[in-house]
Amino acid sequence: QVQLVESGGGLVQAGDSLRLSCAASGLTFSSYTMGWFRQAPGKEREFVACITSSGGRTYYTDSVKGRFTISRDSAKNTVYLQMNSLKPEDTAVYYCAATRSTAFTTSAFIKYWGQGTQVTVSS
């Protein structure tokens, strides 16, 4: 049984930092591109960042480039999202995601999802 378990969300002020973690189990971690999506109230789920199975490439949505950094630790089967200079518009539920598809930015091609962790940024 595949499980993606997120942690690290919380309530912070604008300009603060948070690090999200996603511990994966039940899958061959090294075979999957891992990443993060987010969903704000009343909005569709959107791609945030991903890292390829080898860890060699990372991709980000434009609104987080330069502020967020994704990384993975194969020894721990864990993917991280370091979020700096947080803004109120970053407020959302953040979901960990795993796929073997090259169309990672499209939620329809995600094979596994975590349960989500809430990030709230106050102004």
N, C-alpha and C. Protein backbone atom coordinates (compact mmCIF):
# COMPACT_ATOMS: atom_id res chain seq x y z
N GLN A 1 0.84 -1.19 0.00
CA GLN A 1 0.00 0.00 0.00
C GLN A 1 0.88 1.25 0.00
N VAL A 2 0.67 2.08 -0.99
CA VAL A 2 1.46 3.30 -1.12
C VAL A 2 0.92 4.36 -0.17
N GLN A 3 1.84 5.01 0.52
CA GLN A 3 1.48 6.13 1.39
C GLN A 3 2.44 7.28 1.17
N LEU A 4 1.88 8.47 1.07
CA LEU A 4 2.65 9.71 1.04
C LEU A 4 2.14 10.53 2.22
N VAL A 5 3.01 10.79 3.17
CA VAL A 5 2.60 11.46 4.40
C VAL A 5 3.33 12.79 4.52
N GLU A 6 2.56 13.87 4.42
CA GLU A 6 3.13 15.22 4.51
C GLU A 6 3.18 15.70 5.95
N SER A 7 4.12 16.60 6.19
CA SER A 7 4.22 17.26 7.48
C SER A 7 4.91 18.60 7.28
N GLY A 8 4.82 19.45 8.29
CA GLY A 8 5.54 20.72 8.25
C GLY A 8 4.70 21.95 7.98
N GLY A 9 3.44 21.77 7.71
CA GLY A 9 2.59 22.93 7.48
C GLY A 9 2.34 23.71 8.76
N GLY A 10 1.72 24.87 8.63
CA GLY A 10 1.42 25.67 9.80
C GLY A 10 1.00 27.08 9.44
N LEU A 11 0.90 27.89 10.48
CA LEU A 11 0.53 29.30 10.35
C LEU A 11 1.76 30.15 10.56
N VAL A 12 2.09 30.98 9.56
CA VAL A 12 3.26 31.84 9.66
C VAL A 12 2.89 33.23 9.15
N GLN A 13 3.80 34.16 9.36
CA GLN A 13 3.60 35.52 8.87
C GLN A 13 4.29 35.70 7.52
N ALA A 14 3.84 36.68 6.79
CA ALA A 14 4.47 36.98 5.51
C ALA A 14 5.97 37.24 5.71
N GLY A 15 6.77 36.64 4.81
CA GLY A 15 8.22 36.77 4.90
C GLY A 15 8.89 35.63 5.64
N ASP A 16 8.12 34.83 6.35
CA ASP A 16 8.67 33.70 7.09
C ASP A 16 8.97 32.52 6.15
N SER A 17 9.52 31.47 6.75
CA SER A 17 9.86 30.26 6.00
C SER A 17 9.20 29.04 6.64
N LEU A 18 8.98 28.03 5.81
CA LEU A 18 8.51 26.72 6.26
C LEU A 18 9.18 25.66 5.40
N ARG A 19 9.34 24.48 5.98
CA ARG A 19 9.81 23.34 5.19
C ARG A 19 8.80 22.21 5.30
N LEU A 20 8.27 21.84 4.16
CA LEU A 20 7.36 20.69 4.10
C LEU A 20 8.15 19.43 3.82
N SER A 21 7.70 18.34 4.41
CA SER A 21 8.30 17.04 4.17
C SER A 21 7.22 16.07 3.71
N CYS A 22 7.63 15.12 2.90
CA CYS A 22 6.72 14.07 2.43
C CYS A 22 7.46 12.75 2.49
N ALA A 23 7.04 11.89 3.40
CA ALA A 23 7.65 10.57 3.53
C ALA A 23 6.86 9.56 2.72
N ALA A 24 7.54 8.88 1.82
CA ALA A 24 6.90 7.92 0.93
C ALA A 24 7.19 6.49 1.35
N SER A 25 6.21 5.64 1.22
CA SER A 25 6.39 4.22 1.50
C SER A 25 5.52 3.40 0.56
N GLY A 26 5.91 2.15 0.35
CA GLY A 26 5.13 1.25 -0.48
C GLY A 26 5.35 1.41 -1.97
N LEU A 27 6.31 2.22 -2.37
CA LEU A 27 6.63 2.38 -3.79
C LEU A 27 8.14 2.44 -3.95
N THR A 28 8.60 2.21 -5.17
CA THR A 28 10.02 2.31 -5.47
C THR A 28 10.34 3.78 -5.67
N PHE A 29 10.77 4.41 -4.59
CA PHE A 29 10.93 5.87 -4.55
C PHE A 29 11.79 6.37 -5.70
N SER A 30 12.85 5.67 -6.00
CA SER A 30 13.81 6.12 -7.01
C SER A 30 13.25 6.08 -8.42
N SER A 31 12.07 5.49 -8.60
CA SER A 31 11.46 5.40 -9.92
C SER A 31 10.45 6.50 -10.20
N TYR A 32 10.18 7.31 -9.21
CA TYR A 32 9.11 8.30 -9.33
C TYR A 32 9.62 9.73 -9.31
N THR A 33 9.05 10.53 -10.20
CA THR A 33 9.15 11.96 -10.05
C THR A 33 8.25 12.36 -8.89
N MET A 34 8.79 13.17 -7.99
CA MET A 34 8.05 13.59 -6.81
C MET A 34 7.83 15.10 -6.85
N GLY A 35 6.75 15.52 -6.26
CA GLY A 35 6.51 16.96 -6.29
C GLY A 35 5.40 17.40 -5.37
N TRP A 36 5.02 18.66 -5.57
CA TRP A 36 4.01 19.30 -4.74
C TRP A 36 3.00 20.06 -5.59
N PHE A 37 1.76 19.95 -5.20
CA PHE A 37 0.67 20.76 -5.73
C PHE A 37 0.07 21.51 -4.54
N ARG A 38 -0.74 22.50 -4.83
CA ARG A 38 -1.46 23.19 -3.77
C ARG A 38 -2.85 23.57 -4.25
N GLN A 39 -3.73 23.73 -3.28
CA GLN A 39 -5.10 24.11 -3.59
C GLN A 39 -5.59 25.12 -2.57
N ALA A 40 -5.89 26.31 -3.05
CA ALA A 40 -6.44 27.36 -2.21
C ALA A 40 -7.97 27.26 -2.22
N PRO A 41 -8.63 27.81 -1.21
CA PRO A 41 -10.09 27.74 -1.16
C PRO A 41 -10.73 28.32 -2.41
N GLY A 42 -11.63 27.58 -3.02
CA GLY A 42 -12.35 28.05 -4.19
C GLY A 42 -11.57 28.00 -5.48
N LYS A 43 -10.37 27.43 -5.43
CA LYS A 43 -9.53 27.37 -6.62
C LYS A 43 -9.19 25.92 -6.96
N GLU A 44 -8.74 25.72 -8.19
CA GLU A 44 -8.34 24.39 -8.61
C GLU A 44 -6.94 24.07 -8.05
N ARG A 45 -6.68 22.77 -7.96
CA ARG A 45 -5.36 22.34 -7.52
C ARG A 45 -4.34 22.72 -8.59
N GLU A 46 -3.20 23.28 -8.17
CA GLU A 46 -2.20 23.73 -9.12
C GLU A 46 -0.83 23.17 -8.79
N PHE A 47 -0.04 22.99 -9.85
CA PHE A 47 1.33 22.52 -9.72
C PHE A 47 2.18 23.57 -9.04
N VAL A 48 3.09 23.10 -8.15
CA VAL A 48 4.01 24.02 -7.48
C VAL A 48 5.45 23.71 -7.88
N ALA A 49 5.87 22.46 -7.69
CA ALA A 49 7.27 22.10 -7.96
C ALA A 49 7.39 20.60 -8.09
N CYS A 50 8.43 20.16 -8.80
CA CYS A 50 8.71 18.73 -8.87
C CYS A 50 10.20 18.50 -9.04
N ILE A 51 10.61 17.27 -8.75
CA ILE A 51 11.99 16.85 -8.90
C ILE A 51 11.99 15.48 -9.54
N THR A 52 12.82 15.30 -10.53
CA THR A 52 12.82 14.05 -11.27
C THR A 52 13.33 12.89 -10.41
N SER A 53 13.10 11.69 -10.90
CA SER A 53 13.42 10.49 -10.12
C SER A 53 14.89 10.43 -9.73
N SER A 54 15.76 10.91 -10.60
CA SER A 54 17.20 10.91 -10.30
C SER A 54 17.61 12.09 -9.44
N GLY A 55 16.71 13.05 -9.33
CA GLY A 55 17.05 14.28 -8.60
C GLY A 55 17.81 15.28 -9.45
N GLY A 56 17.97 14.94 -10.73
CA GLY A 56 18.80 15.79 -11.57
C GLY A 56 18.14 17.05 -12.07
N ARG A 57 16.82 17.07 -12.09
CA ARG A 57 16.12 18.25 -12.60
C ARG A 57 14.98 18.64 -11.67
N THR A 58 14.78 19.93 -11.59
CA THR A 58 13.67 20.47 -10.81
C THR A 58 12.89 21.46 -11.66
N TYR A 59 11.62 21.57 -11.38
CA TYR A 59 10.74 22.48 -12.10
C TYR A 59 9.85 23.19 -11.09
N TYR A 60 9.55 24.46 -11.39
CA TYR A 60 8.74 25.27 -10.49
C TYR A 60 7.73 26.07 -11.28
N THR A 61 6.59 26.31 -10.66
CA THR A 61 5.68 27.27 -11.24
C THR A 61 6.28 28.67 -11.07
N ASP A 62 5.95 29.57 -11.97
CA ASP A 62 6.61 30.87 -11.99
C ASP A 62 6.47 31.63 -10.68
N SER A 63 5.33 31.51 -10.02
CA SER A 63 5.07 32.33 -8.83
C SER A 63 5.94 31.96 -7.63
N VAL A 64 6.60 30.81 -7.68
CA VAL A 64 7.43 30.40 -6.53
C VAL A 64 8.92 30.35 -6.88
N LYS A 65 9.28 30.58 -8.12
CA LYS A 65 10.69 30.53 -8.52
C LYS A 65 11.49 31.54 -7.73
N GLY A 66 12.64 31.09 -7.22
CA GLY A 66 13.49 31.95 -6.42
C GLY A 66 13.13 31.98 -4.96
N ARG A 67 11.97 31.44 -4.59
CA ARG A 67 11.55 31.42 -3.18
C ARG A 67 11.45 29.99 -2.64
N PHE A 68 11.03 29.06 -3.47
CA PHE A 68 10.85 27.67 -3.04
C PHE A 68 11.96 26.79 -3.63
N THR A 69 12.35 25.78 -2.87
CA THR A 69 13.34 24.82 -3.34
C THR A 69 12.87 23.41 -3.01
N ILE A 70 12.83 22.57 -4.02
CA ILE A 70 12.45 21.17 -3.81
C ILE A 70 13.70 20.31 -3.81
N SER A 71 13.70 19.28 -2.96
CA SER A 71 14.83 18.36 -2.89
C SER A 71 14.30 16.99 -2.47
N ARG A 72 15.14 15.98 -2.64
CA ARG A 72 14.74 14.63 -2.23
C ARG A 72 15.91 13.92 -1.59
N ASP A 73 15.60 13.04 -0.66
CA ASP A 73 16.58 12.22 0.04
C ASP A 73 16.21 10.77 -0.20
N SER A 74 16.93 10.10 -1.07
CA SER A 74 16.59 8.72 -1.42
C SER A 74 16.81 7.77 -0.26
N ALA A 75 17.73 8.07 0.62
CA ALA A 75 17.98 7.20 1.77
C ALA A 75 16.79 7.20 2.73
N LYS A 76 16.05 8.30 2.74
CA LYS A 76 14.91 8.43 3.65
C LYS A 76 13.57 8.33 2.91
N ASN A 77 13.62 8.16 1.60
CA ASN A 77 12.38 8.14 0.80
C ASN A 77 11.51 9.37 1.11
N THR A 78 12.15 10.50 1.12
CA THR A 78 11.47 11.73 1.52
C THR A 78 11.76 12.85 0.52
N VAL A 79 10.74 13.63 0.25
CA VAL A 79 10.89 14.82 -0.58
C VAL A 79 10.55 16.03 0.27
N TYR A 80 11.27 17.12 0.03
CA TYR A 80 11.11 18.32 0.82
C TYR A 80 10.73 19.50 -0.07
N LEU A 81 10.07 20.46 0.55
CA LEU A 81 9.80 21.73 -0.11
C LEU A 81 10.16 22.84 0.87
N GLN A 82 11.29 23.49 0.62
CA GLN A 82 11.71 24.63 1.43
C GLN A 82 11.04 25.87 0.86
N MET A 83 10.25 26.53 1.69
CA MET A 83 9.50 27.71 1.24
C MET A 83 9.99 28.93 2.01
N ASN A 84 10.58 29.86 1.30
CA ASN A 84 11.09 31.09 1.89
C ASN A 84 10.28 32.29 1.39
N SER A 85 10.40 33.39 2.10
CA SER A 85 9.72 34.63 1.72
C SER A 85 8.25 34.38 1.41
N LEU A 86 7.59 33.70 2.30
CA LEU A 86 6.20 33.33 2.07
C LEU A 86 5.30 34.55 1.96
N LYS A 87 4.30 34.42 1.12
CA LYS A 87 3.33 35.48 0.86
C LYS A 87 1.93 34.99 1.21
N PRO A 88 1.01 35.90 1.51
CA PRO A 88 -0.37 35.47 1.79
C PRO A 88 -0.96 34.64 0.65
N GLU A 89 -0.59 34.92 -0.57
CA GLU A 89 -1.13 34.17 -1.71
C GLU A 89 -0.59 32.74 -1.79
N ASP A 90 0.38 32.41 -0.94
CA ASP A 90 0.86 31.02 -0.86
C ASP A 90 -0.05 30.17 0.04
N THR A 91 -1.00 30.79 0.69
CA THR A 91 -1.91 30.06 1.57
C THR A 91 -2.70 29.03 0.78
N ALA A 92 -2.62 27.77 1.23
CA ALA A 92 -3.29 26.67 0.53
C ALA A 92 -3.04 25.37 1.29
N VAL A 93 -3.74 24.34 0.87
CA VAL A 93 -3.38 22.99 1.29
C VAL A 93 -2.36 22.47 0.28
N TYR A 94 -1.25 22.00 0.78
CA TYR A 94 -0.16 21.51 -0.06
C TYR A 94 -0.19 19.98 -0.08
N TYR A 95 -0.17 19.42 -1.30
CA TYR A 95 -0.25 17.99 -1.49
C TYR A 95 1.04 17.45 -2.10
N CYS A 96 1.53 16.38 -1.51
CA CYS A 96 2.65 15.65 -2.09
C CYS A 96 2.11 14.75 -3.19
N ALA A 97 2.91 14.57 -4.25
CA ALA A 97 2.45 13.81 -5.39
C ALA A 97 3.57 12.97 -5.97
N ALA A 98 3.20 11.85 -6.57
CA ALA A 98 4.18 10.96 -7.18
C ALA A 98 3.65 10.46 -8.52
N THR A 99 4.54 10.41 -9.50
CA THR A 99 4.14 9.92 -10.80
C THR A 99 5.34 9.42 -11.57
N ARG A 100 5.07 8.57 -12.57
CA ARG A 100 6.10 8.18 -13.52
C ARG A 100 5.90 8.89 -14.85
N SER A 101 4.83 9.67 -14.93
CA SER A 101 4.52 10.37 -16.16
C SER A 101 5.45 11.57 -16.36
N THR A 102 5.71 11.89 -17.62
CA THR A 102 6.49 13.08 -17.92
C THR A 102 5.62 14.33 -17.84
N ALA A 103 4.30 14.13 -17.81
CA ALA A 103 3.38 15.28 -17.72
C ALA A 103 3.09 15.60 -16.27
N PHE A 104 4.15 15.87 -15.51
CA PHE A 104 3.99 15.97 -14.07
C PHE A 104 3.18 17.17 -13.65
N THR A 105 3.18 18.25 -14.43
CA THR A 105 2.48 19.45 -13.99
C THR A 105 0.97 19.33 -14.09
N THR A 106 0.50 18.25 -14.65
CA THR A 106 -0.93 18.03 -14.82
C THR A 106 -1.42 17.06 -13.76
N SER A 107 -2.35 17.49 -12.93
CA SER A 107 -2.80 16.66 -11.82
C SER A 107 -3.42 15.35 -12.29
N ALA A 108 -3.96 15.32 -13.49
CA ALA A 108 -4.60 14.10 -13.99
C ALA A 108 -3.60 12.96 -14.17
N PHE A 109 -2.32 13.30 -14.28
CA PHE A 109 -1.31 12.27 -14.51
C PHE A 109 -0.59 11.86 -13.23
N ILE A 110 -1.03 12.36 -12.09
CA ILE A 110 -0.45 11.96 -10.82
C ILE A 110 -1.02 10.61 -10.41
N LYS A 111 -0.13 9.71 -10.01
CA LYS A 111 -0.58 8.37 -9.63
C LYS A 111 -0.93 8.29 -8.15
N TYR A 112 -0.13 8.93 -7.32
CA TYR A 112 -0.35 8.87 -5.88
C TYR A 112 -0.37 10.28 -5.29
N TRP A 113 -1.26 10.47 -4.32
CA TRP A 113 -1.39 11.74 -3.60
C TRP A 113 -1.26 11.53 -2.10
N GLY A 114 -0.69 12.55 -1.43
CA GLY A 114 -0.76 12.57 0.01
C GLY A 114 -2.07 13.16 0.47
N GLN A 115 -2.25 13.25 1.77
CA GLN A 115 -3.52 13.73 2.32
C GLN A 115 -3.56 15.25 2.42
N GLY A 116 -2.43 15.90 2.30
CA GLY A 116 -2.37 17.35 2.32
C GLY A 116 -1.99 17.92 3.67
N THR A 117 -1.33 19.07 3.63
CA THR A 117 -0.98 19.80 4.85
C THR A 117 -1.28 21.28 4.62
N GLN A 118 -1.87 21.91 5.62
CA GLN A 118 -2.31 23.30 5.48
C GLN A 118 -1.15 24.26 5.73
N VAL A 119 -1.01 25.21 4.82
CA VAL A 119 -0.07 26.32 4.99
C VAL A 119 -0.88 27.61 4.97
N THR A 120 -0.77 28.38 6.02
CA THR A 120 -1.48 29.66 6.11
C THR A 120 -0.47 30.77 6.36
N VAL A 121 -0.49 31.77 5.49
CA VAL A 121 0.44 32.89 5.61
C VAL A 121 -0.37 34.15 5.89
N SER A 122 -0.15 34.75 7.02
CA SER A 122 -0.87 35.96 7.39
C SER A 122 -0.09 37.20 6.96
N SER A 123 -0.81 38.24 6.65
CA SER A 123 -0.16 39.48 6.19
C SER A 123 0.20 40.38 7.34
